Amino acid sequence: MKVILGTFIFSAQTALFNEVRRSVSHRYSSKDRLHQRPAYHSVGQGESSRSLPGSIYPCVSGDPKSLDELEALMDSGEPQQLIDQDGNLLGRWLIKSIDVTESILGAGGKPQQIDFDLSLARYD
């Protein structure tokens, strides 16, 4: 099984990410105290995010138009269901940003390597 985000399937024909970076946080409220450090109180879970960096090599694998599909999902503003390679539902995620770097420019300025970094934020 492949990783799926909404209607987009990550594969060698579309785009593959080469790692997953995960970040979670917790929220705290602080109260200033005279001649002491602030007191902190837990107010709940903070943001949970994931970053999926990867590369597309148009002459070998992947399709540069896949990034347009991901951008369309992002522009919809709707959270997308994320499913891992084992079929586990990982919840709904918003695509916050897509950073793209085109390099190794060939004839006519066509990139031979396209690096991307997809940033997701947990919605639910």
C-alpha atoms as a PDB file:
ATOM      1  CA  MET A   1       0.000   0.000   0.000  1.00  0.00           C
ATOM      2  CA  LYS A   2       1.125   3.547  -0.659  1.00  0.00           C
ATOM      3  CA  VAL A   3       0.838   6.715   1.415  1.00  0.00           C
ATOM      4  CA  ILE A   4      -2.289   8.676   0.492  1.00  0.00           C
ATOM      5  CA  LEU A   5      -3.169  12.304   1.257  1.00  0.00           C
ATOM      6  CA  GLY A   6      -6.754  13.100   0.271  1.00  0.00           C
ATOM      7  CA  THR A   7      -7.016  12.052  -3.377  1.00  0.00           C
ATOM      8  CA  PHE A   8      -3.246  12.130  -3.952  1.00  0.00           C
ATOM      9  CA  ILE A   9      -1.306   8.855  -3.958  1.00  0.00           C
ATOM     10  CA  PHE A  10       2.440   9.142  -3.366  1.00  0.00           C
ATOM     11  CA  SER A  11       4.224   6.779  -5.782  1.00  0.00           C
ATOM     12  CA  ALA A  12       7.168   6.516  -8.172  1.00  0.00           C
ATOM     13  CA  GLN A  13       4.843   7.751 -10.939  1.00  0.00           C
ATOM     14  CA  THR A  14       3.762  10.877  -9.022  1.00  0.00           C
ATOM     15  CA  ALA A  15       6.092  12.000  -6.228  1.00  0.00           C
ATOM     16  CA  LEU A  16       7.874  10.215  -3.405  1.00  0.00           C
ATOM     17  CA  PHE A  17       9.052  11.716  -0.150  1.00  0.00           C
ATOM     18  CA  ASN A  18      12.294  10.393   1.324  1.00  0.00           C
ATOM     19  CA  GLU A  19      11.656  11.070   5.016  1.00  0.00           C
ATOM     20  CA  VAL A  20       9.003  12.191   7.467  1.00  0.00           C
ATOM     21  CA  ARG A  21       9.708  14.882  10.044  1.00  0.00           C
ATOM     22  CA  ARG A  22       7.213  15.083  12.877  1.00  0.00           C
ATOM     23  CA  SER A  23       6.715  17.828  15.432  1.00  0.00           C
ATOM     24  CA  VAL A  24       4.266  17.969  18.341  1.00  0.00           C
ATOM     25  CA  SER A  25       3.865  20.561  21.053  1.00  0.00           C
ATOM     26  CA  HIS A  26       1.894  21.283  24.208  1.00  0.00           C
ATOM     27  CA  ARG A  27       0.415  24.637  25.212  1.00  0.00           C
ATOM     28  CA  TYR A  28       1.089  26.317  28.547  1.00  0.00           C
ATOM     29  CA  SER A  29      -0.178  29.482  30.152  1.00  0.00           C
ATOM     30  CA  SER A  30       2.280  31.458  32.263  1.00  0.00           C
ATOM     31  CA  LYS A  31       1.624  33.563  35.330  1.00  0.00           C
ATOM     32  CA  ASP A  32       4.248  36.059  36.480  1.00  0.00           C
ATOM     33  CA  ARG A  33       5.273  35.848  40.125  1.00  0.00           C
ATOM     34  CA  LEU A  34       7.152  38.422  42.200  1.00  0.00           C
ATOM     35  CA  HIS A  35      10.852  37.521  42.603  1.00  0.00           C
ATOM     36  CA  GLN A  36      10.265  34.048  41.162  1.00  0.00           C
ATOM     37  CA  ARG A  37      10.186  32.390  37.811  1.00  0.00           C
ATOM     38  CA  PRO A  38       6.798  32.348  36.078  1.00  0.00           C
ATOM     39  CA  ALA A  39       4.366  29.579  37.008  1.00  0.00           C
ATOM     40  CA  TYR A  40       3.182  27.449  34.093  1.00  0.00           C
ATOM     41  CA  HIS A  41      -0.143  25.680  33.733  1.00  0.00           C
ATOM     42  CA  SER A  42      -1.029  23.170  31.063  1.00  0.00           C
ATOM     43  CA  VAL A  43      -3.836  24.325  28.773  1.00  0.00           C
ATOM     44  CA  GLY A  44      -3.818  21.379  26.358  1.00  0.00           C
ATOM     45  CA  GLN A  45      -2.302  19.993  23.236  1.00  0.00           C
ATOM     46  CA  GLY A  46      -0.499  22.287  20.856  1.00  0.00           C
ATOM     47  CA  GLU A  47       0.089  21.991  17.138  1.00  0.00           C
ATOM     48  CA  SER A  48       1.051  18.713  15.515  1.00  0.00           C
ATOM     49  CA  SER A  49       2.839  18.976  12.191  1.00  0.00           C
ATOM     50  CA  ARG A  50       4.611  16.829   9.641  1.00  0.00           C
ATOM     51  CA  SER A  51       7.047  17.680   6.918  1.00  0.00           C
ATOM     52  CA  LEU A  52       7.453  15.423   3.893  1.00  0.00           C
ATOM     53  CA  PRO A  53      10.563  16.335   1.888  1.00  0.00           C
ATOM     54  CA  GLY A  54      11.226  14.503  -1.361  1.00  0.00           C
ATOM     55  CA  SER A  55      12.540  14.703  -4.894  1.00  0.00           C
ATOM     56  CA  ILE A  56      11.222  14.219  -8.401  1.00  0.00           C
ATOM     57  CA  TYR A  57      13.535  13.301 -11.267  1.00  0.00           C
ATOM     58  CA  PRO A  58      11.386  13.899 -14.377  1.00  0.00           C
ATOM     59  CA  CYS A  59      13.636  11.813 -16.665  1.00  0.00           C
ATOM     60  CA  VAL A  60      13.620   8.837 -14.263  1.00  0.00           C
ATOM     61  CA  SER A  61      10.644   8.887 -11.893  1.00  0.00           C
ATOM     62  CA  GLY A  62       7.902  11.157 -10.728  1.00  0.00           C
ATOM     63  CA  ASP A  63       5.798  13.736 -12.521  1.00  0.00           C
ATOM     64  CA  PRO A  64       6.303  17.477 -11.979  1.00  0.00           C
ATOM     65  CA  LYS A  65       2.546  17.950 -12.493  1.00  0.00           C
ATOM     66  CA  SER A  66       2.049  16.029  -9.233  1.00  0.00           C
ATOM     67  CA  LEU A  67       3.090  19.156  -7.363  1.00  0.00           C
ATOM     68  CA  ASP A  68       0.246  21.003  -9.134  1.00  0.00           C
ATOM     69  CA  GLU A  69      -2.164  18.353  -7.818  1.00  0.00           C
ATOM     70  CA  LEU A  70      -0.868  18.849  -4.283  1.00  0.00           C
ATOM     71  CA  GLU A  71      -1.155  22.627  -4.694  1.00  0.00           C
ATOM     72  CA  ALA A  72      -4.787  22.233  -5.793  1.00  0.00           C
ATOM     73  CA  LEU A  73      -5.480  20.198  -2.631  1.00  0.00           C
ATOM     74  CA  MET A  74      -3.818  22.947  -0.582  1.00  0.00           C
ATOM     75  CA  ASP A  75      -5.802  25.684  -2.346  1.00  0.00           C
ATOM     76  CA  SER A  76      -9.073  23.887  -1.600  1.00  0.00           C
ATOM     77  CA  GLY A  77      -8.530  24.835   2.058  1.00  0.00           C
ATOM     78  CA  GLU A  78     -10.047  21.528   3.091  1.00  0.00           C
ATOM     79  CA  PRO A  79      -8.335  19.102   5.484  1.00  0.00           C
ATOM     80  CA  GLN A  80      -7.221  15.894   3.775  1.00  0.00           C
ATOM     81  CA  GLN A  81      -7.268  12.376   5.213  1.00  0.00           C
ATOM     82  CA  LEU A  82      -3.734  10.978   5.606  1.00  0.00           C
ATOM     83  CA  ILE A  83      -3.284   7.209   5.296  1.00  0.00           C
ATOM     84  CA  ASP A  84       0.093   5.559   5.903  1.00  0.00           C
ATOM     85  CA  GLN A  85       1.630   2.671   3.956  1.00  0.00           C
ATOM     86  CA  ASP A  86       0.048   0.123   6.330  1.00  0.00           C
ATOM     87  CA  GLY A  87      -3.458   1.487   5.756  1.00  0.00           C
ATOM     88  CA  ASN A  88      -3.659   3.260   9.134  1.00  0.00           C
ATOM     89  CA  LEU A  89      -5.783   6.408   9.226  1.00  0.00           C
ATOM     90  CA  LEU A  90      -3.601   9.203  10.619  1.00  0.00           C
ATOM     91  CA  GLY A  91      -6.345  11.828  10.816  1.00  0.00           C
ATOM     92  CA  ARG A  92      -7.132  14.906   8.776  1.00  0.00           C
ATOM     93  CA  TRP A  93      -4.344  17.277   7.811  1.00  0.00           C
ATOM     94  CA  LEU A  94      -4.105  20.685   6.182  1.00  0.00           C
ATOM     95  CA  ILE A  95      -1.426  21.367   3.604  1.00  0.00           C
ATOM     96  CA  LYS A  96       0.167  24.537   4.979  1.00  0.00           C
ATOM     97  CA  SER A  97       2.873  25.005   2.364  1.00  0.00           C
ATOM     98  CA  ILE A  98       4.795  23.426  -0.487  1.00  0.00           C
ATOM     99  CA  ASP A  99       8.379  24.567  -1.025  1.00  0.00           C
ATOM    100  CA  VAL A 100       9.908  23.669  -4.387  1.00  0.00           C
ATOM    101  CA  THR A 101      13.503  23.911  -5.644  1.00  0.00           C
ATOM    102  CA  GLU A 102      14.270  23.146  -9.291  1.00  0.00           C
ATOM    103  CA  SER A 103      17.890  22.294 -10.062  1.00  0.00           C
ATOM    104  CA  ILE A 104      20.234  20.677 -12.560  1.00  0.00           C
ATOM    105  CA  LEU A 105      18.687  22.655 -15.387  1.00  0.00           C
ATOM    106  CA  GLY A 106      18.967  20.980 -18.760  1.00  0.00           C
ATOM    107  CA  ALA A 107      18.235  22.081 -22.292  1.00  0.00           C
ATOM    108  CA  GLY A 108      15.686  24.868 -22.454  1.00  0.00           C
ATOM    109  CA  GLY A 109      15.918  25.378 -18.691  1.00  0.00           C
ATOM    110  CA  LYS A 110      14.008  22.191 -17.843  1.00  0.00           C
ATOM    111  CA  PRO A 111      14.866  20.935 -14.354  1.00  0.00           C
ATOM    112  CA  GLN A 112      16.315  17.438 -14.073  1.00  0.00           C
ATOM    113  CA  GLN A 113      15.737  17.432 -10.304  1.00  0.00           C
ATOM    114  CA  ILE A 114      12.827  18.948  -8.385  1.00  0.00           C
ATOM    115  CA  ASP A 115      13.067  18.931  -4.597  1.00  0.00           C
ATOM    116  CA  PHE A 116       9.934  19.633  -2.589  1.00  0.00           C
ATOM    117  CA  ASP A 117       8.973  19.946   1.062  1.00  0.00           C
ATOM    118  CA  LEU A 118       5.322  19.460   1.932  1.00  0.00           C
ATOM    119  CA  SER A 119       4.292  20.929   5.317  1.00  0.00           C
ATOM    120  CA  LEU A 120       1.173  19.548   6.986  1.00  0.00           C
ATOM    121  CA  ALA A 121      -0.706  20.601  10.126  1.00  0.00           C
ATOM    122  CA  ARG A 122      -3.096  18.307  12.003  1.00  0.00           C
ATOM    123  CA  TYR A 123      -6.687  19.510  11.698  1.00  0.00           C
ATOM    124  CA  ASP A 124      -8.609  17.286  14.108  1.00  0.00           C
END
